[in-house]
N, C-alpha and C. Protein backbone atom coordinates (compact mmCIF):
# COMPACT_ATOMS: atom_id res chain seq x y z
N MET A 1 -28.13 86.66 -2.13
CA MET A 1 -27.44 85.63 -2.88
C MET A 1 -26.06 85.36 -2.30
N ASN A 2 -25.38 86.41 -1.85
CA ASN A 2 -24.05 86.27 -1.27
C ASN A 2 -24.10 85.46 0.02
N PHE A 3 -25.17 85.66 0.81
CA PHE A 3 -25.36 84.92 2.06
C PHE A 3 -25.50 83.41 1.79
N ILE A 4 -26.23 83.04 0.75
CA ILE A 4 -26.44 81.62 0.41
C ILE A 4 -25.12 80.97 0.01
N LYS A 5 -24.28 81.70 -0.72
CA LYS A 5 -22.97 81.17 -1.12
C LYS A 5 -22.09 80.91 0.11
N LYS A 6 -22.12 81.84 1.07
CA LYS A 6 -21.32 81.66 2.29
C LYS A 6 -21.80 80.45 3.08
N VAL A 7 -23.10 80.30 3.22
CA VAL A 7 -23.65 79.16 3.95
C VAL A 7 -23.29 77.85 3.24
N LEU A 8 -23.41 77.85 1.93
CA LEU A 8 -23.08 76.66 1.16
C LEU A 8 -21.59 76.31 1.30
N LEU A 9 -20.71 77.30 1.26
CA LEU A 9 -19.27 77.06 1.45
C LEU A 9 -18.98 76.53 2.85
N TRP A 10 -19.67 77.05 3.86
CA TRP A 10 -19.50 76.55 5.22
C TRP A 10 -19.94 75.08 5.32
N ILE A 11 -21.05 74.76 4.72
CA ILE A 11 -21.55 73.37 4.75
C ILE A 11 -20.57 72.44 4.05
N ILE A 12 -20.05 72.85 2.90
CA ILE A 12 -19.08 72.02 2.17
C ILE A 12 -17.79 71.87 2.99
N GLY A 13 -17.32 72.97 3.58
CA GLY A 13 -16.10 72.94 4.40
C GLY A 13 -16.24 72.02 5.60
N ILE A 14 -17.36 72.11 6.29
CA ILE A 14 -17.61 71.25 7.46
C ILE A 14 -17.72 69.79 7.03
N SER A 15 -18.35 69.53 5.89
CA SER A 15 -18.48 68.15 5.39
C SER A 15 -17.11 67.56 5.05
N VAL A 16 -16.27 68.32 4.38
CA VAL A 16 -14.93 67.84 4.03
C VAL A 16 -14.10 67.61 5.29
N LEU A 17 -14.14 68.55 6.22
CA LEU A 17 -13.40 68.40 7.48
C LEU A 17 -13.89 67.17 8.26
N SER A 18 -15.20 66.96 8.30
CA SER A 18 -15.75 65.78 8.98
C SER A 18 -15.28 64.50 8.31
N GLY A 19 -15.25 64.47 7.00
CA GLY A 19 -14.77 63.29 6.28
C GLY A 19 -13.32 63.00 6.57
N VAL A 20 -12.48 64.03 6.58
CA VAL A 20 -11.05 63.85 6.88
C VAL A 20 -10.87 63.33 8.30
N LEU A 21 -11.59 63.91 9.25
CA LEU A 21 -11.49 63.45 10.65
C LEU A 21 -11.97 62.01 10.80
N LEU A 22 -13.01 61.62 10.07
CA LEU A 22 -13.50 60.25 10.13
C LEU A 22 -12.46 59.27 9.59
N VAL A 23 -11.80 59.61 8.50
CA VAL A 23 -10.76 58.75 7.93
C VAL A 23 -9.59 58.63 8.89
N LEU A 24 -9.15 59.73 9.47
CA LEU A 24 -8.05 59.69 10.44
C LEU A 24 -8.42 58.85 11.66
N PHE A 25 -9.66 58.98 12.13
CA PHE A 25 -10.12 58.18 13.25
C PHE A 25 -10.09 56.69 12.90
N ALA A 26 -10.55 56.35 11.71
CA ALA A 26 -10.57 54.95 11.28
C ALA A 26 -9.17 54.37 11.18
N LEU A 27 -8.21 55.15 10.76
CA LEU A 27 -6.84 54.66 10.58
C LEU A 27 -6.07 54.54 11.89
N TYR A 28 -6.30 55.45 12.83
CA TYR A 28 -5.43 55.51 14.01
C TYR A 28 -6.09 55.15 15.33
N ALA A 29 -7.40 55.16 15.43
CA ALA A 29 -8.07 54.84 16.70
C ALA A 29 -8.23 53.33 16.84
N ASN A 30 -8.10 52.83 18.07
CA ASN A 30 -8.26 51.41 18.34
C ASN A 30 -9.48 51.18 19.23
N PHE A 31 -10.22 50.11 18.92
CA PHE A 31 -11.36 49.72 19.73
C PHE A 31 -10.88 48.97 20.97
N SER A 32 -9.89 48.09 20.77
CA SER A 32 -9.33 47.34 21.89
C SER A 32 -7.92 46.91 21.54
N SER A 33 -7.20 46.47 22.57
CA SER A 33 -5.85 45.92 22.41
C SER A 33 -5.76 44.68 23.28
N GLY A 34 -4.89 43.76 22.89
CA GLY A 34 -4.73 42.54 23.69
C GLY A 34 -3.72 41.63 23.07
N TYR A 35 -3.77 40.35 23.46
CA TYR A 35 -2.88 39.37 22.87
C TYR A 35 -3.57 38.02 22.81
N ARG A 36 -3.05 37.19 21.91
CA ARG A 36 -3.52 35.80 21.78
C ARG A 36 -2.29 34.92 21.65
N VAL A 37 -2.40 33.69 22.16
CA VAL A 37 -1.29 32.75 22.16
C VAL A 37 -1.68 31.53 21.34
N GLY A 38 -0.75 31.05 20.53
CA GLY A 38 -0.99 29.86 19.73
C GLY A 38 0.14 29.61 18.77
N ARG A 39 -0.16 28.81 17.74
CA ARG A 39 0.83 28.49 16.71
C ARG A 39 0.38 29.09 15.37
N ILE A 40 1.34 29.67 14.66
CA ILE A 40 1.06 30.25 13.36
C ILE A 40 0.76 29.14 12.37
N ILE A 41 -0.36 29.24 11.67
CA ILE A 41 -0.72 28.26 10.64
C ILE A 41 -0.27 28.77 9.28
N LYS A 42 -0.54 30.04 9.01
CA LYS A 42 -0.14 30.57 7.71
C LYS A 42 0.02 32.08 7.78
N VAL A 43 0.85 32.58 6.87
CA VAL A 43 1.01 34.00 6.62
C VAL A 43 1.06 34.14 5.11
N SER A 44 0.21 34.98 4.56
CA SER A 44 0.18 35.11 3.10
C SER A 44 -0.03 36.56 2.70
N GLU A 45 0.32 36.83 1.45
CA GLU A 45 0.07 38.14 0.86
C GLU A 45 -1.12 37.99 -0.06
N LYS A 46 -2.11 38.89 0.08
CA LYS A 46 -3.32 38.79 -0.71
C LYS A 46 -3.61 40.12 -1.39
N GLY A 47 -4.45 40.06 -2.41
CA GLY A 47 -4.95 41.26 -3.03
C GLY A 47 -4.46 41.46 -4.45
N TYR A 48 -5.28 42.16 -5.24
CA TYR A 48 -4.92 42.50 -6.61
C TYR A 48 -4.31 43.89 -6.68
N VAL A 49 -5.03 44.87 -6.18
CA VAL A 49 -4.55 46.25 -6.24
C VAL A 49 -3.82 46.60 -4.94
N PHE A 50 -4.49 46.39 -3.81
CA PHE A 50 -3.89 46.67 -2.51
C PHE A 50 -3.43 45.36 -1.90
N LYS A 51 -2.12 45.15 -1.84
CA LYS A 51 -1.56 43.93 -1.26
C LYS A 51 -1.61 44.03 0.26
N THR A 52 -2.17 43.01 0.89
CA THR A 52 -2.23 42.96 2.34
C THR A 52 -1.61 41.65 2.82
N HIS A 53 -1.16 41.63 4.06
CA HIS A 53 -0.61 40.42 4.66
C HIS A 53 -1.60 39.88 5.67
N GLU A 54 -1.99 38.64 5.47
CA GLU A 54 -3.00 38.00 6.32
C GLU A 54 -2.41 36.73 6.94
N GLY A 55 -2.86 36.41 8.13
CA GLY A 55 -2.36 35.21 8.79
C GLY A 55 -3.44 34.55 9.62
N GLN A 56 -3.10 33.33 10.06
CA GLN A 56 -3.99 32.57 10.93
C GLN A 56 -3.18 32.01 12.09
N LEU A 57 -3.78 32.05 13.28
CA LEU A 57 -3.17 31.55 14.49
C LEU A 57 -4.10 30.48 15.06
N ASN A 58 -3.56 29.29 15.31
CA ASN A 58 -4.33 28.23 15.95
C ASN A 58 -4.15 28.41 17.45
N THR A 59 -5.21 28.82 18.14
CA THR A 59 -5.13 29.10 19.57
C THR A 59 -5.43 27.88 20.42
N GLY A 60 -5.50 26.72 19.82
CA GLY A 60 -5.78 25.50 20.56
C GLY A 60 -7.20 25.05 20.34
N GLY A 61 -7.63 24.16 21.16
CA GLY A 61 -8.98 23.65 20.99
C GLY A 61 -9.53 23.17 22.31
N PHE A 62 -10.74 22.67 22.24
CA PHE A 62 -11.36 22.10 23.43
C PHE A 62 -12.05 20.81 23.04
N SER A 63 -12.22 19.93 23.99
CA SER A 63 -12.79 18.61 23.74
C SER A 63 -14.31 18.68 23.77
N GLU A 64 -14.93 18.01 22.81
CA GLU A 64 -16.38 17.94 22.77
C GLU A 64 -16.83 16.51 23.06
N GLY A 65 -16.63 16.08 24.26
CA GLY A 65 -17.12 14.75 24.64
C GLY A 65 -16.11 13.65 24.37
N GLU A 66 -16.38 12.79 23.41
CA GLU A 66 -15.61 11.58 23.13
C GLU A 66 -14.31 11.84 22.38
N GLY A 67 -13.53 12.78 22.84
CA GLY A 67 -12.21 12.99 22.27
C GLY A 67 -12.16 13.83 21.00
N ASP A 68 -13.31 14.34 20.55
CA ASP A 68 -13.30 15.21 19.38
C ASP A 68 -12.70 16.55 19.77
N MET A 69 -11.76 17.01 18.95
CA MET A 69 -11.09 18.26 19.24
C MET A 69 -11.56 19.33 18.25
N THR A 70 -12.00 20.45 18.74
CA THR A 70 -12.40 21.56 17.89
C THR A 70 -11.34 22.65 18.01
N SER A 71 -10.75 23.01 16.89
CA SER A 71 -9.69 24.02 16.94
C SER A 71 -10.29 25.41 16.85
N SER A 72 -9.55 26.34 17.34
CA SER A 72 -9.96 27.73 17.30
C SER A 72 -8.95 28.49 16.46
N ILE A 73 -9.39 28.96 15.31
CA ILE A 73 -8.51 29.68 14.39
C ILE A 73 -8.83 31.16 14.49
N TRP A 74 -7.78 31.96 14.65
CA TRP A 74 -7.92 33.42 14.74
C TRP A 74 -7.25 34.05 13.53
N ASN A 75 -8.00 34.82 12.77
CA ASN A 75 -7.47 35.49 11.59
C ASN A 75 -6.98 36.88 11.98
N PHE A 76 -5.84 37.27 11.41
CA PHE A 76 -5.27 38.58 11.72
C PHE A 76 -4.63 39.17 10.48
N SER A 77 -4.33 40.45 10.56
CA SER A 77 -3.65 41.17 9.47
C SER A 77 -2.38 41.80 10.01
N VAL A 78 -1.45 42.05 9.09
CA VAL A 78 -0.21 42.75 9.42
C VAL A 78 -0.06 43.88 8.41
N LYS A 79 0.22 45.08 8.89
CA LYS A 79 0.41 46.19 7.97
C LYS A 79 1.64 45.96 7.12
N LYS A 80 1.57 46.34 5.88
CA LYS A 80 2.65 46.11 4.92
C LYS A 80 3.96 46.74 5.37
N SER A 81 3.88 47.83 6.11
CA SER A 81 5.09 48.53 6.56
C SER A 81 5.79 47.82 7.72
N ASP A 82 5.12 46.86 8.37
CA ASP A 82 5.70 46.15 9.52
C ASP A 82 6.51 44.94 9.06
N THR A 83 7.63 45.18 8.39
CA THR A 83 8.44 44.07 7.86
C THR A 83 9.08 43.25 8.96
N GLU A 84 9.43 43.86 10.08
CA GLU A 84 10.03 43.11 11.19
C GLU A 84 9.04 42.09 11.74
N ILE A 85 7.79 42.49 11.91
CA ILE A 85 6.75 41.57 12.40
C ILE A 85 6.53 40.45 11.39
N LEU A 86 6.49 40.78 10.11
CA LEU A 86 6.31 39.75 9.07
C LEU A 86 7.44 38.73 9.12
N ASP A 87 8.67 39.19 9.28
CA ASP A 87 9.81 38.27 9.36
C ASP A 87 9.70 37.38 10.59
N GLN A 88 9.31 37.93 11.73
CA GLN A 88 9.16 37.13 12.94
C GLN A 88 8.07 36.08 12.78
N LEU A 89 6.97 36.43 12.12
CA LEU A 89 5.88 35.47 11.91
C LEU A 89 6.31 34.36 10.97
N LYS A 90 7.03 34.71 9.92
CA LYS A 90 7.47 33.70 8.95
C LYS A 90 8.52 32.76 9.54
N ASN A 91 9.26 33.22 10.55
CA ASN A 91 10.30 32.39 11.17
C ASN A 91 9.82 31.69 12.43
N ALA A 92 8.53 31.74 12.73
CA ALA A 92 8.01 31.13 13.96
C ALA A 92 8.14 29.61 13.97
N ASN A 93 8.08 28.94 12.81
CA ASN A 93 8.32 27.49 12.68
C ASN A 93 7.60 26.64 13.71
N LYS A 94 6.30 26.77 13.78
CA LYS A 94 5.45 25.95 14.66
C LYS A 94 5.74 26.13 16.14
N GLU A 95 6.40 27.22 16.51
CA GLU A 95 6.62 27.53 17.91
C GLU A 95 5.37 28.23 18.46
N MET A 96 5.19 28.16 19.76
CA MET A 96 4.11 28.91 20.40
C MET A 96 4.52 30.38 20.41
N VAL A 97 3.62 31.23 19.99
CA VAL A 97 3.89 32.66 19.97
C VAL A 97 2.75 33.41 20.65
N ARG A 98 3.08 34.58 21.15
CA ARG A 98 2.08 35.49 21.71
C ARG A 98 2.04 36.67 20.75
N LEU A 99 0.86 36.90 20.16
CA LEU A 99 0.68 37.99 19.22
C LEU A 99 -0.10 39.11 19.90
N TYR A 100 0.53 40.26 20.02
CA TYR A 100 -0.15 41.44 20.54
C TYR A 100 -0.82 42.14 19.36
N TYR A 101 -2.02 42.64 19.58
CA TYR A 101 -2.77 43.22 18.47
C TYR A 101 -3.56 44.44 18.91
N ASP A 102 -3.93 45.25 17.93
CA ASP A 102 -4.88 46.34 18.09
C ASP A 102 -6.09 46.02 17.23
N GLU A 103 -7.27 46.17 17.81
CA GLU A 103 -8.51 45.95 17.05
C GLU A 103 -9.07 47.31 16.64
N LYS A 104 -9.33 47.46 15.37
CA LYS A 104 -9.91 48.70 14.84
C LYS A 104 -11.43 48.65 15.01
N PHE A 105 -12.08 49.79 14.85
CA PHE A 105 -13.54 49.84 14.98
C PHE A 105 -14.23 49.10 13.84
N PHE A 106 -13.64 49.14 12.66
CA PHE A 106 -14.19 48.39 11.53
C PHE A 106 -13.06 48.05 10.57
N ARG A 107 -13.33 47.12 9.68
CA ARG A 107 -12.33 46.63 8.73
C ARG A 107 -12.02 47.72 7.71
N ILE A 108 -10.73 47.89 7.43
CA ILE A 108 -10.28 48.86 6.44
C ILE A 108 -9.74 48.07 5.25
N PRO A 109 -10.51 47.95 4.18
CA PRO A 109 -10.19 47.02 3.09
C PRO A 109 -8.80 47.17 2.48
N PHE A 110 -8.27 48.38 2.38
CA PHE A 110 -6.96 48.53 1.75
C PHE A 110 -5.80 48.28 2.71
N LEU A 111 -6.09 48.06 4.01
CA LEU A 111 -5.04 47.73 4.98
C LEU A 111 -5.01 46.25 5.32
N GLY A 112 -6.16 45.58 5.31
CA GLY A 112 -6.20 44.17 5.67
C GLY A 112 -7.60 43.61 5.61
N ASP A 113 -7.69 42.28 5.67
CA ASP A 113 -8.99 41.60 5.60
C ASP A 113 -9.69 41.51 6.95
N THR A 114 -9.00 41.86 8.04
CA THR A 114 -9.60 41.77 9.37
C THR A 114 -9.51 43.11 10.08
N LYS A 115 -10.12 43.15 11.28
CA LYS A 115 -10.03 44.33 12.14
C LYS A 115 -8.84 44.23 13.09
N TYR A 116 -8.15 43.08 13.09
CA TYR A 116 -7.09 42.82 14.05
C TYR A 116 -5.72 42.97 13.38
N PHE A 117 -4.91 43.91 13.89
CA PHE A 117 -3.59 44.17 13.33
C PHE A 117 -2.52 43.85 14.37
N VAL A 118 -1.63 42.92 14.03
CA VAL A 118 -0.58 42.49 14.95
C VAL A 118 0.44 43.61 15.09
N THR A 119 0.81 43.90 16.34
CA THR A 119 1.77 44.97 16.63
C THR A 119 3.07 44.46 17.22
N LYS A 120 3.06 43.22 17.76
CA LYS A 120 4.26 42.68 18.40
C LYS A 120 4.16 41.16 18.43
N VAL A 121 5.30 40.49 18.29
CA VAL A 121 5.37 39.04 18.31
C VAL A 121 6.37 38.61 19.39
N GLU A 122 5.97 37.68 20.25
CA GLU A 122 6.87 37.10 21.26
C GLU A 122 6.81 35.58 21.16
N THR A 123 7.96 34.94 21.30
CA THR A 123 7.99 33.48 21.37
C THR A 123 7.72 33.07 22.80
N VAL A 124 6.82 32.09 23.00
CA VAL A 124 6.47 31.62 24.33
C VAL A 124 7.27 30.36 24.62
N GLU A 125 7.89 30.33 25.78
CA GLU A 125 8.70 29.15 26.19
C GLU A 125 7.80 28.04 26.69
């Protein structure tokens, strides 16, 4: 009976440790990093319980034949703790900006609505 208790405690311990490692991996590991260039369309705060900051970047468009323009909108999130980035985005005023981002492996609902988190903002001349 004592052996079964030890095995059960080991299984529970390994399960809890695996869960903690999975959460840490989801929060801090990145799938990819890069940048996108365009004009900020909107930055908003969303959510009832967990407030997140969401934005949209118009990266331009391409022509589909007879002058029809199709725009490309990129949705991104900003962590609530990144107040400097939020201020830079809100002050962009239709200027061209380059947004550097980290892409997570999957969406984390209490951090943002997307997998893309902006890490740096540059104004493009």
